[in-house]
């Protein structure tokens, strides 16, 4: 995707009753629209008073007739300065629409082509997951009609363009500084306290310690189980490690059939991941610092080294 996405307007569109057209529209790169009762020719010609009169007779409600007409007009006339968005499969999807609307003879629905298909990622390739979107932006999903304006346009464009609000940038910068400080604290731990830290991190994330497979000076092998899935992991905690050390434990891991995964955590040293080690998770000091912060162990760390 090239260049920053700009738009002066954005519209949420429901793709069929109960989302019945969503998969087809997203796959084929089109926007399908109902309102079969109204004249397609009148809409193409822009005879909106005629369209409104039709709905006034059909609805016997001026407000409803106006709302229906406005939604149809947006669908037919929204230009290149507008984005359309919809939600499907836990993702926000967005597109631009080409000019021109055709009538599908199979069911009299209206079809409009997109410029370059539907997108479910930002310009940087990040999935636009609904669980990471603002509640204000997600509110449009509750709209009872077919098309409505997205009021949170700046928020939408920010997510599409990977542009963070100033407050979020400040929070990210503060977190980065804090993580650097936590890494420095981890460097001060004894290897026994480092082992305990790793154990606490996994216990806080739901893993249950089954026991120690082996324990030597400055090294410990742990067995953990995740009760929710029954998954059993082999964890090697090292005070100092290198790539050759990792290779040794990869061979040991390969010899065991009972383990689903291996975690390799180390305190000091440099380790490179072998290309074939796909079921092994490497936990260097930076990764452990992030996990410790998320687990609420920063204060524990401070107390241990102070």
Protein backbone atom coordinates (compact mmCIF):
# COMPACT_ATOMS: atom_id res chain seq x y z
CA UNK A 1 0.00 0.00 0.00
CA UNK A 2 1.58 3.27 -1.11
CA UNK A 3 1.21 6.63 0.56
CA UNK A 4 -0.86 8.03 3.37
CA UNK A 5 -4.62 7.45 3.15
CA UNK A 6 -6.63 10.69 3.17
CA UNK A 7 -10.38 11.16 3.19
CA UNK A 8 -12.85 13.92 3.96
CA UNK A 9 -15.68 11.53 4.84
CA UNK A 10 -16.15 7.95 5.93
CA UNK A 11 -19.27 5.81 5.98
CA UNK A 12 -20.14 2.58 7.73
CA UNK A 13 -22.08 0.19 5.50
CA UNK A 14 -23.94 -2.99 6.44
CA UNK A 15 -23.44 -5.57 3.73
CA UNK A 16 -26.80 -7.29 3.77
CA UNK A 17 -29.30 -8.18 6.44
CA UNK A 18 -27.44 -10.04 9.17
CA UNK A 19 -24.22 -9.63 7.17
CA UNK A 20 -25.38 -12.07 4.49
CA UNK A 21 -23.30 -10.39 1.74
CA UNK A 22 -20.15 -9.71 3.78
CA UNK A 23 -18.00 -12.63 2.70
CA UNK A 24 -18.90 -12.26 -0.98
CA UNK A 25 -18.35 -8.50 -1.01
CA UNK A 26 -15.00 -8.72 0.77
CA UNK A 27 -13.88 -11.52 -1.52
CA UNK A 28 -15.03 -9.90 -4.78
CA UNK A 29 -14.14 -6.30 -3.92
CA UNK A 30 -17.65 -4.86 -4.22
CA UNK A 31 -20.27 -3.04 -2.16
CA UNK A 32 -23.69 -4.64 -2.48
CA UNK A 33 -26.76 -2.65 -1.53
CA UNK A 34 -30.45 -3.46 -1.12
CA UNK A 35 -33.38 -1.03 -1.34
CA UNK A 36 -34.65 -3.03 -4.31
CA UNK A 37 -38.04 -1.32 -4.30
CA UNK A 38 -36.83 2.09 -5.47
CA UNK A 39 -36.12 2.93 -9.13
CA UNK A 40 -32.50 2.32 -10.08
CA UNK A 41 -32.86 4.74 -13.01
CA UNK A 42 -34.12 7.52 -10.75
CA UNK A 43 -31.13 7.06 -8.46
CA UNK A 44 -28.66 7.07 -11.35
CA UNK A 45 -30.23 10.27 -12.68
CA UNK A 46 -30.11 11.92 -9.28
CA UNK A 47 -33.88 12.46 -9.07
CA UNK A 48 -33.81 12.44 -5.29
CA UNK A 49 -37.13 14.23 -4.81
CA UNK A 50 -38.74 11.38 -6.74
CA UNK A 51 -36.94 8.82 -4.57
CA UNK A 52 -38.03 10.62 -1.40
CA UNK A 53 -41.66 10.78 -2.62
CA UNK A 54 -41.55 7.03 -3.23
CA UNK A 55 -40.42 6.33 0.32
CA UNK A 56 -42.86 8.82 1.77
CA UNK A 57 -45.70 6.85 0.23
CA UNK A 58 -44.16 3.54 1.26
CA UNK A 59 -43.32 4.57 4.84
CA UNK A 60 -45.89 7.28 5.52
CA UNK A 61 -43.19 8.85 7.68
CA UNK A 62 -41.30 11.98 6.57
CA UNK A 63 -38.32 11.30 8.80
CA UNK A 64 -37.95 7.70 7.65
CA UNK A 65 -38.36 8.73 4.00
CA UNK A 66 -35.60 11.32 4.37
CA UNK A 67 -33.27 8.87 6.12
CA UNK A 68 -33.80 6.19 3.46
CA UNK A 69 -33.22 8.67 0.66
CA UNK A 70 -30.04 10.01 2.26
CA UNK A 71 -28.57 6.52 2.65
CA UNK A 72 -29.34 5.61 -0.96
CA UNK A 73 -27.83 8.89 -2.16
CA UNK A 74 -24.62 8.29 -0.23
CA UNK A 75 -24.29 4.85 -1.80
CA UNK A 76 -24.80 6.18 -5.34
CA UNK A 77 -22.88 9.45 -5.07
CA UNK A 78 -20.04 9.05 -2.52
CA UNK A 79 -16.89 10.10 -4.34
CA UNK A 80 -13.17 9.39 -4.14
CA UNK A 81 -12.84 11.59 -1.04
CA UNK A 82 -14.87 9.07 0.97
CA UNK A 83 -14.05 5.75 2.60
CA UNK A 84 -16.48 2.93 3.29
CA UNK A 85 -15.92 0.68 6.30
CA UNK A 86 -17.54 -2.50 7.56
CA UNK A 87 -16.76 -5.15 10.19
CA UNK A 88 -16.35 -8.87 9.67
CA UNK A 89 -14.39 -11.66 11.33
CA UNK A 90 -13.15 -9.47 14.16
CA UNK A 91 -11.59 -6.98 11.76
CA UNK A 92 -12.40 -3.54 10.40
CA UNK A 93 -12.41 -3.52 6.58
CA UNK A 94 -12.16 -0.35 4.51
CA UNK A 95 -12.26 0.62 0.85
CA UNK A 96 -12.88 3.37 -1.67
CA UNK A 97 -15.68 2.97 -4.20
CA UNK A 98 -15.43 3.46 -7.95
CA UNK A 99 -18.07 5.68 -9.56
CA UNK A 100 -21.04 3.93 -11.11
CA UNK A 101 -23.66 1.53 -9.78
CA UNK A 102 -25.00 -1.49 -11.64
CA UNK A 103 -28.13 -3.57 -11.08
CA UNK A 104 -27.69 -7.28 -10.45
CA UNK A 105 -30.41 -8.93 -12.57
CA UNK A 106 -30.38 -12.01 -10.34
CA UNK A 107 -31.93 -10.25 -7.33
CA UNK A 108 -32.21 -6.53 -8.21
CA UNK A 109 -29.54 -5.58 -5.66
CA UNK A 110 -27.21 -2.70 -6.48
CA UNK A 111 -23.48 -3.34 -6.94
CA UNK A 112 -20.62 -0.86 -6.80
CA UNK A 113 -17.01 -1.82 -7.46
CA UNK A 114 -14.20 -0.86 -5.09
CA UNK A 115 -11.09 0.95 -6.31
CA UNK A 116 -8.62 -1.72 -5.20
CA UNK A 117 -10.58 -4.15 -3.06
CA UNK A 118 -11.31 -4.20 0.64
CA UNK A 119 -8.45 -3.78 3.12
CA UNK A 120 -8.26 -5.12 6.67
CA UNK A 121 -4.81 -3.78 7.51
CA UNK A 122 -3.18 -0.42 8.07
CA UNK A 123 -0.79 0.98 5.47
CA UNK A 124 2.01 -0.61 7.49
CA UNK A 125 0.37 -4.04 7.36
CA UNK A 126 -1.06 -4.20 10.88
CA UNK A 127 -4.39 -6.03 11.16
CA UNK A 128 -7.20 -3.66 12.14
CA UNK A 129 -8.49 -5.91 14.90
CA UNK A 130 -11.69 -4.76 16.58
CA UNK A 131 -10.33 -5.62 20.02
CA UNK A 132 -7.69 -2.93 19.48
CA UNK A 133 -9.99 -0.22 18.16
CA UNK A 134 -11.59 2.63 20.06
CA UNK A 135 -15.07 1.99 21.43
CA UNK A 136 -16.13 5.32 19.93
CA UNK A 137 -15.16 4.01 16.49
CA UNK A 138 -16.89 0.67 17.03
CA UNK A 139 -20.20 2.27 18.03
CA UNK A 140 -21.28 2.52 14.39
CA UNK A 141 -21.85 -1.26 14.40
CA UNK A 142 -25.02 -0.60 16.37
CA UNK A 143 -26.52 1.56 13.60
CA UNK A 144 -29.94 0.17 12.65
CA UNK A 145 -29.94 1.36 9.06
CA UNK A 146 -27.63 0.49 6.18
CA UNK A 147 -25.25 3.44 5.82
CA UNK A 148 -24.21 6.11 8.29
CA UNK A 149 -21.38 8.61 8.64
CA UNK A 150 -18.37 7.66 10.76
CA UNK A 151 -18.02 10.56 13.17
CA UNK A 152 -14.61 9.43 14.44
CA UNK A 153 -12.94 10.15 11.09
CA UNK A 154 -9.62 11.32 12.54
CA UNK A 155 -9.45 8.21 14.73
CA UNK A 156 -10.18 5.96 11.75
CA UNK A 157 -7.56 7.62 9.54
CA UNK A 158 -5.04 7.50 12.37
CA UNK A 159 -5.41 3.72 12.69
CA UNK A 160 -5.27 3.18 8.93
CA UNK A 161 -2.15 5.38 8.64
CA UNK A 162 -0.43 3.97 11.74
CA UNK A 163 -0.49 7.42 13.33
CA UNK A 164 -0.74 7.44 17.10
CA UNK A 165 -2.40 10.19 19.15
CA UNK A 166 0.09 12.31 21.15
CA UNK A 167 -1.05 10.78 24.46
CA UNK A 168 -0.41 7.26 23.14
CA UNK A 169 3.02 8.28 21.81
CA UNK A 170 3.91 9.72 25.21
CA UNK A 171 2.74 6.52 26.93
CA UNK A 172 4.80 4.36 24.54
CA UNK A 173 7.90 6.48 25.16
CA UNK A 174 7.42 6.25 28.92
CA UNK A 175 6.96 2.47 28.67
CA UNK A 176 10.16 2.15 26.62
CA UNK A 177 12.10 4.06 29.29
CA UNK A 178 10.59 1.96 32.05
CA UNK A 179 11.42 -1.28 30.21
CA UNK A 180 15.02 -0.16 29.83
CA UNK A 181 15.17 0.45 33.58
CA UNK A 182 13.64 -2.98 34.27
CA UNK A 183 16.28 -4.59 32.05
CA UNK A 184 18.94 -2.89 34.16
CA UNK A 185 17.31 -4.28 37.31
CA UNK A 186 17.24 -7.80 35.86
CA UNK A 187 20.97 -7.54 35.16
CA UNK A 188 21.54 -7.07 38.91
CA UNK A 189 19.71 -10.26 39.93
CA UNK A 190 21.54 -13.30 41.18
CA UNK A 191 20.96 -16.33 38.98
CA UNK A 192 18.75 -17.84 41.71
CA UNK A 193 16.54 -14.72 41.78
CA UNK A 194 16.51 -14.70 37.97
CA UNK A 195 15.17 -18.27 38.05
CA UNK A 196 12.52 -17.19 40.57
CA UNK A 197 11.53 -14.25 38.35
CA UNK A 198 10.99 -16.54 35.37
CA UNK A 199 8.97 -18.91 37.54
CA UNK A 200 6.78 -16.05 38.81
CA UNK A 201 6.18 -14.75 35.30
CA UNK A 202 4.92 -18.11 34.07
CA UNK A 203 2.87 -18.75 37.20
CA UNK A 204 1.18 -15.36 36.72
CA UNK A 205 0.24 -16.24 33.16
CA UNK A 206 -1.48 -19.50 34.14
CA UNK A 207 1.32 -22.06 33.84
CA UNK A 208 1.62 -24.54 36.72
CA UNK A 209 5.00 -25.83 37.79
CA UNK A 210 5.21 -29.62 37.75
CA UNK A 211 8.73 -29.77 39.08
CA UNK A 212 12.41 -29.46 38.25
CA UNK A 213 13.74 -31.93 35.69
CA UNK A 214 17.30 -31.09 36.56
CA UNK A 215 19.14 -28.41 38.49
CA UNK A 216 22.84 -27.59 38.47
CA UNK A 217 24.84 -24.54 39.41
CA UNK A 218 23.55 -21.51 37.47
CA UNK A 219 21.11 -23.63 35.48
CA UNK A 220 17.64 -25.12 36.01
CA UNK A 221 15.25 -27.17 33.89
CA UNK A 222 11.58 -26.71 34.69
CA UNK A 223 8.46 -28.59 33.68
CA UNK A 224 5.31 -26.50 33.41
CA UNK A 225 1.76 -27.31 32.38
CA UNK A 226 -0.96 -25.00 31.10
CA UNK A 227 -4.11 -26.41 32.76
CA UNK A 228 -6.53 -24.86 30.27
CA UNK A 229 -5.03 -26.81 27.34
CA UNK A 230 -3.00 -29.55 29.02
CA UNK A 231 0.09 -28.32 27.16
CA UNK A 232 3.39 -29.29 28.81
CA UNK A 233 6.47 -27.13 28.34
CA UNK A 234 10.14 -27.64 29.02
CA UNK A 235 11.87 -24.49 30.29
CA UNK A 236 15.58 -24.02 30.47
CA UNK A 237 16.73 -21.10 32.63
CA UNK A 238 20.40 -20.21 32.25
CA UNK A 239 22.56 -17.66 34.01
CA UNK A 240 24.79 -17.35 30.94
CA UNK A 241 24.12 -18.75 27.49
CA UNK A 242 25.34 -18.79 23.91
CA UNK A 243 24.06 -20.17 20.63
CA UNK A 244 26.00 -23.38 21.18
CA UNK A 245 24.33 -23.74 24.60
CA UNK A 246 20.93 -23.40 22.95
CA UNK A 247 21.84 -26.05 20.35
CA UNK A 248 22.65 -28.47 23.15
CA UNK A 249 19.24 -27.99 24.72
CA UNK A 250 17.48 -28.18 21.36
CA UNK A 251 18.87 -31.67 20.97
CA UNK A 252 17.65 -32.56 24.44
CA UNK A 253 14.21 -31.12 23.65
CA UNK A 254 14.00 -33.11 20.42
CA UNK A 255 14.65 -36.31 22.35
CA UNK A 256 11.58 -35.81 24.57
CA UNK A 257 8.16 -36.66 23.16
CA UNK A 258 6.21 -35.42 26.17
CA UNK A 259 6.86 -31.69 25.66
CA UNK A 260 4.79 -29.48 23.38
CA UNK A 261 7.07 -26.46 23.58
CA UNK A 262 10.41 -25.32 24.87
CA UNK A 263 11.22 -21.97 26.45
CA UNK A 264 14.85 -20.91 26.72
CA UNK A 265 15.51 -18.03 29.13
CA UNK A 266 18.93 -16.59 29.88
CA UNK A 267 20.38 -13.88 32.07
CA UNK A 268 23.59 -12.91 30.27
CA UNK A 269 25.10 -13.67 26.87
CA UNK A 270 24.08 -13.60 23.21
CA UNK A 271 21.93 -16.28 21.57
CA UNK A 272 20.83 -16.55 17.94
CA UNK A 273 17.76 -18.56 16.94
CA UNK A 274 18.46 -21.47 14.57
CA UNK A 275 16.12 -21.43 11.57
CA UNK A 276 14.71 -24.87 12.40
CA UNK A 277 13.73 -23.99 15.99
CA UNK A 278 10.10 -23.16 15.25
CA UNK A 279 8.61 -24.60 18.45
CA UNK A 280 11.10 -22.90 20.76
CA UNK A 281 10.52 -19.53 22.44
CA UNK A 282 13.63 -17.50 23.24
CA UNK A 283 13.40 -15.24 26.28
CA UNK A 284 16.25 -12.75 26.40
CA UNK A 285 16.50 -10.00 28.98
CA UNK A 286 14.43 -7.54 26.91
CA UNK A 287 11.62 -10.06 26.43
CA UNK A 288 11.64 -10.99 30.10
CA UNK A 289 11.55 -7.31 31.08
CA UNK A 290 8.38 -6.83 29.03
CA UNK A 291 6.81 -9.97 30.51
CA UNK A 292 7.76 -8.88 34.04
CA UNK A 293 6.15 -5.48 33.52
CA UNK A 294 2.95 -7.04 32.14
CA UNK A 295 2.88 -9.48 35.07
CA UNK A 296 3.12 -6.66 37.60
CA UNK A 297 6.55 -7.71 38.87
CA UNK A 298 8.39 -4.40 38.51
CA UNK A 299 8.05 -3.58 42.22
CA UNK A 300 9.20 -7.12 43.12
CA UNK A 301 12.30 -6.56 41.00
CA UNK A 302 13.05 -3.22 42.61
CA UNK A 303 12.82 -4.71 46.10
CA UNK A 304 15.06 -7.64 45.15
CA UNK A 305 17.98 -5.48 44.04
CA UNK A 306 17.62 -2.50 46.38
